[in-house]
Structure formats: C-alpha cells, structure tokens
Amino acid sequence: MKLYTEEQVKEMFEQFQTHLPFHYEILLQEHMNKLTPIQLPSDEEIEKESFDLYANHNTYSLNVRQYKAFKRGAKWMSDKIQGDDKQ
C-alpha cells in the first residue's frame, strides 16, 4: 500500500492542470472529498493508549516493557507514514 499526503495529491493535480477542464479547483476538491483520510494518532494519544493497554495493570515489570514497546512501535510507525526515513 502506498500513502500520499494531501499536498502531494494537490501537487500532482497542479502538474496536470493544463490537461484538465477550466474548473480545475472544483475537480480537485471533488476528488479530495471522495478520499478517506488516515488520521494518525498524536503522541499524547499513543501515550494514553499504551498506558491504558499495559501500564494500568498489576504485573508491573512485564507490562512496563510492553508499554514501552507499544509506545515506541506506534511512534515509529507514525514517523514512517509521515515520511521519516530514519531507522
């Protein structure tokens, strides 16, 4: 699966503007409205979800590791989707 940002899609449409009818802005907005955006969680949402899943239980040591791993993995995935190519 490939993901593109709204800015990238608009840029692509602008490159083809000369081949589109005069109502370029209307066409662009109609197509953008048909897309389903992916909402990435904020750092705070990742923190809350990882705490709710793992750190809010009694078996402390195992859950702390899971909590940190979940948080680190969610942040890594979010960075990758946003175009961060660091390891």
Protein backbone atom coordinates (compact mmCIF):
# COMPACT_ATOMS: atom_id res chain seq x y z
CA MET A 1 0.00 0.00 0.00
CA LYS A 2 1.24 3.47 -0.82
CA LEU A 3 0.10 6.57 1.04
CA TYR A 4 0.23 10.12 -0.24
CA THR A 5 -0.23 13.38 1.58
CA GLU A 6 -2.88 15.91 0.63
CA GLU A 7 -0.11 18.24 -0.52
CA GLN A 8 1.31 15.55 -2.82
CA VAL A 9 -2.09 14.90 -4.39
CA LYS A 10 -2.67 18.63 -4.95
CA GLU A 11 0.78 18.94 -6.46
CA MET A 12 0.02 16.10 -8.86
CA PHE A 13 -3.25 17.73 -9.92
CA GLU A 14 -1.43 21.03 -10.48
CA GLN A 15 1.03 19.30 -12.79
CA PHE A 16 -1.87 18.04 -14.92
CA GLN A 17 -3.81 21.30 -14.74
CA THR A 18 -3.11 22.14 -18.38
CA HIS A 19 -4.84 18.90 -19.44
CA LEU A 20 -7.91 19.37 -17.26
CA PRO A 21 -11.01 21.47 -17.93
CA PHE A 22 -11.17 25.06 -16.70
CA HIS A 23 -12.80 24.02 -13.42
CA TYR A 24 -9.58 22.64 -12.01
CA GLU A 25 -10.18 23.77 -8.39
CA ILE A 26 -13.70 22.29 -8.35
CA LEU A 27 -12.45 18.97 -9.76
CA LEU A 28 -9.63 18.85 -7.24
CA GLN A 29 -11.97 19.49 -4.31
CA GLU A 30 -14.50 16.90 -5.55
CA HIS A 31 -11.79 14.24 -5.76
CA MET A 32 -10.29 15.19 -2.40
CA ASN A 33 -13.75 14.89 -0.80
CA LYS A 34 -14.04 11.31 -2.10
CA LEU A 35 -10.84 10.22 -0.35
CA THR A 36 -10.84 8.75 3.13
CA PRO A 37 -8.06 10.38 5.12
CA ILE A 38 -5.94 8.40 7.54
CA GLN A 39 -5.87 10.05 10.93
CA LEU A 40 -2.58 9.40 12.70
CA PRO A 41 -2.66 9.42 16.49
CA SER A 42 -0.88 12.23 18.30
CA ASP A 43 1.97 11.49 20.68
CA GLU A 44 -0.46 12.08 23.55
CA GLU A 45 -2.95 9.57 22.12
CA ILE A 46 -0.18 6.99 21.73
CA GLU A 47 0.90 7.62 25.33
CA LYS A 48 -2.67 7.24 26.63
CA GLU A 49 -3.41 4.08 24.63
CA SER A 50 -0.16 2.40 25.64
CA PHE A 51 -0.78 3.29 29.29
CA ASP A 52 -4.37 2.00 29.13
CA LEU A 53 -3.26 -1.26 27.50
CA TYR A 54 -0.18 -2.12 29.53
CA ALA A 55 0.80 0.18 32.38
CA ASN A 56 -2.54 0.26 34.13
CA HIS A 57 -2.28 -3.35 35.44
CA ASN A 58 -0.77 -5.17 38.40
CA THR A 59 2.03 -7.28 36.86
CA TYR A 60 4.42 -4.36 36.77
CA SER A 61 7.72 -5.46 35.16
CA LEU A 62 6.27 -7.31 32.15
CA ASN A 63 3.74 -4.58 31.45
CA VAL A 64 6.32 -1.79 31.63
CA ARG A 65 8.28 -3.47 28.84
CA GLN A 66 5.11 -3.97 26.78
CA TYR A 67 4.08 -0.36 27.44
CA LYS A 68 7.43 0.97 26.24
CA ALA A 69 7.50 -1.35 23.22
CA PHE A 70 3.95 -0.43 22.17
CA LYS A 71 4.69 3.27 22.55
CA ARG A 72 7.98 3.02 20.65
CA GLY A 73 6.40 0.96 17.85
CA ALA A 74 3.41 3.26 17.44
CA LYS A 75 5.67 6.33 17.29
CA TRP A 76 7.97 4.59 14.79
CA MET A 77 5.03 3.70 12.52
CA SER A 78 3.63 7.23 12.72
CA ASP A 79 7.03 8.68 11.77
CA LYS A 80 7.35 6.28 8.84
CA ILE A 81 3.92 7.18 7.48
CA GLN A 82 4.81 10.85 7.71
CA GLY A 83 7.94 10.25 5.63
CA ASP A 84 10.66 9.94 8.25
CA ASP A 85 13.17 7.55 6.70
CA LYS A 86 15.35 7.17 9.78
CA GLN A 87 15.68 3.69 11.24
